[in-house]
């Protein structure tokens, strides 16, 4: 969780490409690639960093 929070904080989000079929007439297909973006709010990233740090601290103190 700590690593994901740090990555989200520094990158601000991520993007991916998805392929969808827009039309199909018999054996012919019309496919389109669409780029999608997901923004990660900074408060969520900071929360993940804090929770990850707490989990790491409790994990180290149990040994």
Protein backbone atom coordinates (compact mmCIF):
# COMPACT_ATOMS: atom_id res chain seq x y z
CA UNK A 1 0.00 0.00 0.00
CA UNK A 2 2.91 2.30 0.78
CA UNK A 3 4.41 1.84 -2.69
CA UNK A 4 1.05 2.42 -4.40
CA UNK A 5 0.52 5.61 -2.41
CA UNK A 6 3.95 6.94 -3.35
CA UNK A 7 3.43 6.04 -7.01
CA UNK A 8 0.00 7.70 -7.06
CA UNK A 9 1.36 10.82 -5.37
CA UNK A 10 4.19 11.33 -7.87
CA UNK A 11 2.39 10.30 -11.06
CA UNK A 12 -1.03 11.79 -10.33
CA UNK A 13 -2.82 8.95 -12.10
CA UNK A 14 -2.48 6.45 -14.90
CA UNK A 15 -3.77 5.84 -18.40
CA UNK A 16 -4.60 2.76 -20.40
CA UNK A 17 -5.84 1.84 -23.87
CA UNK A 18 -8.95 -0.23 -24.42
CA UNK A 19 -10.17 -1.70 -27.68
CA UNK A 20 -13.89 -1.67 -28.44
CA UNK A 21 -15.94 -2.94 -31.36
CA UNK A 22 -18.03 -0.10 -32.79
CA UNK A 23 -19.70 -1.99 -35.63
CA UNK A 24 -19.87 -5.51 -37.01
CA UNK A 25 -21.34 -6.35 -40.40
CA UNK A 26 -20.95 -10.03 -41.18
CA UNK A 27 -17.26 -10.95 -41.01
CA UNK A 28 -16.16 -7.29 -40.98
CA UNK A 29 -15.46 -5.57 -37.66
CA UNK A 30 -14.77 -1.92 -36.97
CA UNK A 31 -12.63 -1.70 -33.84
CA UNK A 32 -11.48 1.48 -32.14
CA UNK A 33 -8.72 1.98 -29.59
CA UNK A 34 -9.62 4.52 -26.92
CA UNK A 35 -7.19 6.00 -24.43
CA UNK A 36 -8.63 6.33 -20.93
CA UNK A 37 -7.13 8.33 -18.06
CA UNK A 38 -7.71 7.87 -14.35
CA UNK A 39 -6.66 10.67 -12.00
CA UNK A 40 -5.67 9.74 -8.45
CA UNK A 41 -6.42 12.51 -5.93
CA UNK A 42 -3.49 13.57 -3.77
CA UNK A 43 -5.47 13.07 -0.54
CA UNK A 44 -6.02 9.43 -1.50
CA UNK A 45 -2.33 8.94 -2.21
CA UNK A 46 -1.34 10.54 1.09
CA UNK A 47 -3.86 8.36 2.92
CA UNK A 48 -2.40 5.24 1.32
CA UNK A 49 1.10 6.35 2.33
CA UNK A 50 0.01 6.87 5.94
CA UNK A 51 -1.84 3.55 6.12
CA UNK A 52 1.08 1.74 4.49
CA UNK A 53 3.49 3.31 6.98
CA UNK A 54 1.31 2.29 9.93
CA UNK A 55 1.02 -1.27 8.63
CA UNK A 56 4.78 -1.40 8.10
CA UNK A 57 5.44 -0.10 11.63
CA UNK A 58 3.06 -2.63 13.21
CA UNK A 59 4.58 -5.43 11.15
CA UNK A 60 8.10 -4.56 12.29
CA UNK A 61 7.09 -4.16 15.95
CA UNK A 62 5.45 -7.60 16.15
CA UNK A 63 8.76 -9.43 15.56
